[in-house]
Each structure stands twice: as structure tokens, then as C-alpha cells.
């Protein structure tokens, strides 16, 4: 007679329902951008989590930004590695403020808070890349159509 397995005991060679690596892996690169302020005072957010195959391009974009020259967001811990960061300027009334956070698997997160008129050069390239990636990825966009 064939003996049926006990349904209350796991099969000895059965694969785990959650094999290693099946959980969402931490992305190699993640960049979050938030734009606050403006007349309406609305915060808009974008995020990019590119695949590993694009990580080197994103790391290059991140590394070109002058993180040590930018102030950290309000409420963030003082950065010991950035003693040259200029004092925070008074933001322009109804102006936009950009908060940029970049995390690479190989380094500590970097954060910067910049008034709209300082989002130029490498900062502008990074912000635009995140916004474009967010739109292309189909993630729920913070922007209204046509903007």
C-alpha cells in the first residue's frame, strides 16, 4: 500500500515558497527628487530605480553633482563630510525648492536641498533624468498630463 504524506508536515525536498532573491532586491541606484513650494505650495515627487545594467550611467550622473557644496535638507543631520557647504540662503517667496536624495549600493545616501535657481548644470541633468525615467517607467506620476 502506498502511504500518503501527512499534509501537516512539509515535504523534505520541497522548494521554499520564497526562494532566496525572490524578494524585491535593493536597487543598485535609487534617486528621489521632490519639488516643493510655488504659489500653490504643492510637493511633486519623482523617483528612479534603474536596472543594474544602467547603474554605471546613473552613478556617473550622481557623482558629477557637487554634493559637498550643497546644503542638506532641513532637519537632516549635519554632514561631517561637507564643511564647505555654504549657509542656507533665505528661499525666494513662492519659489521652488528641490530636495534630491541619491542612494548607491556602494555608498552612503547623499542629500541636497537647492533653491530652483541653483538647479543647474549637473543638478539639472540629474533632476531631468529622474523625471524622465519616472515618466517612462509608468510609475504613478506626480505631474499632471501636459506639464
Protein backbone atom coordinates (compact mmCIF):
# COMPACT_ATOMS: atom_id res chain seq x y z
CA UNK A 1 0.00 0.00 0.00
CA UNK A 2 1.15 3.50 -0.77
CA UNK A 3 1.33 5.74 2.22
CA UNK A 4 0.14 9.31 1.63
CA UNK A 5 2.25 12.15 3.06
CA UNK A 6 0.98 13.93 6.12
CA UNK A 7 -0.46 17.27 4.88
CA UNK A 8 0.61 18.97 8.11
CA UNK A 9 4.31 18.21 7.56
CA UNK A 10 6.39 19.92 4.87
CA UNK A 11 7.88 17.72 2.21
CA UNK A 12 11.58 17.25 2.93
CA UNK A 13 12.78 18.26 -0.55
CA UNK A 14 10.06 20.79 -1.37
CA UNK A 15 11.34 24.18 -2.50
CA UNK A 16 10.72 27.10 -0.24
CA UNK A 17 7.75 29.21 -1.39
CA UNK A 18 10.06 32.25 -1.23
CA UNK A 19 13.37 31.27 -2.79
CA UNK A 20 16.41 33.40 -1.94
CA UNK A 21 16.48 36.55 -4.03
CA UNK A 22 12.77 36.40 -4.80
CA UNK A 23 12.05 39.36 -2.57
CA UNK A 24 12.47 42.80 -4.10
CA UNK A 25 16.22 43.32 -4.25
CA UNK A 26 17.62 46.64 -3.20
CA UNK A 27 18.24 48.61 -6.37
CA UNK A 28 21.86 49.40 -7.21
CA UNK A 29 20.87 53.05 -7.63
CA UNK A 30 17.86 54.99 -6.42
CA UNK A 31 17.32 58.70 -6.86
CA UNK A 32 14.38 60.58 -5.37
CA UNK A 33 13.53 64.15 -6.27
CA UNK A 34 10.92 66.36 -4.63
CA UNK A 35 9.99 69.88 -5.68
CA UNK A 36 8.20 71.91 -3.03
CA UNK A 37 6.86 75.43 -2.92
CA UNK A 38 5.50 77.56 -5.67
CA UNK A 39 2.35 79.62 -5.37
CA UNK A 40 0.21 76.54 -4.59
CA UNK A 41 2.77 75.07 -2.18
CA UNK A 42 2.34 71.61 -3.69
CA UNK A 43 5.06 68.98 -3.39
CA UNK A 44 5.75 66.91 -6.50
CA UNK A 45 7.84 63.75 -6.34
CA UNK A 46 9.73 61.62 -8.84
CA UNK A 47 11.83 58.53 -8.33
CA UNK A 48 14.19 56.47 -10.46
CA UNK A 49 15.31 52.94 -9.68
CA UNK A 50 17.11 51.96 -12.87
CA UNK A 51 18.12 48.35 -13.51
CA UNK A 52 21.62 47.14 -12.72
CA UNK A 53 22.52 47.38 -16.41
CA UNK A 54 22.07 51.19 -16.28
CA UNK A 55 23.66 51.73 -12.86
CA UNK A 56 27.03 53.00 -14.11
CA UNK A 57 25.38 55.77 -16.16
CA UNK A 58 23.33 56.88 -13.15
CA UNK A 59 26.31 56.72 -10.80
CA UNK A 60 28.20 58.95 -13.21
CA UNK A 61 25.31 61.47 -13.17
CA UNK A 62 25.23 61.38 -9.36
CA UNK A 63 29.00 61.75 -9.00
CA UNK A 64 29.07 64.86 -11.22
CA UNK A 65 26.81 66.77 -8.80
CA UNK A 66 28.60 69.00 -6.24
CA UNK A 67 27.08 67.33 -3.16
CA UNK A 68 29.67 68.81 -0.78
CA UNK A 69 28.76 72.33 -1.84
CA UNK A 70 25.01 71.94 -1.33
CA UNK A 71 23.17 72.29 1.97
CA UNK A 72 21.40 69.22 3.35
CA UNK A 73 17.62 69.26 3.57
CA UNK A 74 16.12 70.96 6.63
CA UNK A 75 16.08 68.60 9.58
CA UNK A 76 18.80 66.34 8.16
CA UNK A 77 21.82 65.63 10.31
CA UNK A 78 24.76 67.94 9.78
CA UNK A 79 27.10 66.34 7.31
CA UNK A 80 30.60 65.93 8.69
CA UNK A 81 31.95 65.36 5.19
CA UNK A 82 30.78 68.72 3.87
CA UNK A 83 32.33 71.50 5.94
CA UNK A 84 32.43 73.74 2.85
CA UNK A 85 28.65 73.78 2.34
CA UNK A 86 27.50 77.40 2.22
CA UNK A 87 24.98 78.69 4.72
CA UNK A 88 21.40 78.18 3.69
CA UNK A 89 20.01 81.17 1.82
CA UNK A 90 16.54 82.50 2.50
CA UNK A 91 14.31 80.94 -0.14
CA UNK A 92 12.56 83.20 -2.61
CA UNK A 93 8.88 83.69 -1.68
CA UNK A 94 6.72 81.30 -3.71
CA UNK A 95 9.87 79.84 -5.26
CA UNK A 96 10.51 76.15 -5.76
CA UNK A 97 12.91 74.21 -3.57
CA UNK A 98 14.32 70.91 -4.79
CA UNK A 99 15.21 68.06 -2.44
CA UNK A 100 17.42 65.45 -4.07
CA UNK A 101 18.40 62.14 -2.48
CA UNK A 102 20.64 59.61 -4.20
CA UNK A 103 21.48 56.17 -2.89
CA UNK A 104 24.04 53.88 -4.49
CA UNK A 105 24.61 50.39 -3.18
CA UNK A 106 28.30 51.22 -2.85
CA UNK A 107 27.99 54.43 -0.81
CA UNK A 108 26.06 56.30 1.86
CA UNK A 109 22.99 58.23 0.73
CA UNK A 110 23.58 61.78 -0.45
CA UNK A 111 21.06 64.56 0.08
CA UNK A 112 20.82 68.15 -1.05
CA UNK A 113 18.24 70.92 -0.83
CA UNK A 114 18.51 73.56 -3.52
CA UNK A 115 16.51 76.63 -4.47
CA UNK A 116 15.19 76.50 -8.02
CA UNK A 117 17.81 78.90 -9.40
CA UNK A 118 20.64 76.58 -8.22
CA UNK A 119 19.34 73.51 -10.06
CA UNK A 120 21.70 73.99 -12.99
CA UNK A 121 24.46 72.02 -14.70
CA UNK A 122 24.91 68.54 -13.24
CA UNK A 123 22.00 69.07 -10.83
CA UNK A 124 19.65 69.88 -13.74
CA UNK A 125 20.88 66.83 -15.67
CA UNK A 126 20.18 64.56 -12.68
CA UNK A 127 16.75 66.06 -11.95
CA UNK A 128 15.71 65.85 -15.60
CA UNK A 129 16.94 62.24 -15.84
CA UNK A 130 14.90 61.24 -12.77
CA UNK A 131 11.78 62.98 -14.04
CA UNK A 132 12.16 61.39 -17.50
CA UNK A 133 12.81 57.94 -16.02
CA UNK A 134 9.79 58.25 -13.74
CA UNK A 135 7.53 59.14 -16.69
CA UNK A 136 8.88 56.33 -18.90
CA UNK A 137 8.64 53.71 -16.17
CA UNK A 138 4.90 54.23 -15.93
CA UNK A 139 5.01 54.84 -12.22
CA UNK A 140 2.13 56.96 -10.99
CA UNK A 141 3.34 60.38 -11.93
CA UNK A 142 3.07 63.39 -9.69
CA UNK A 143 2.69 65.71 -12.62
CA UNK A 144 -0.49 66.46 -14.46
CA UNK A 145 -0.65 65.50 -18.14
CA UNK A 146 0.71 68.17 -20.42
CA UNK A 147 3.20 69.52 -17.90
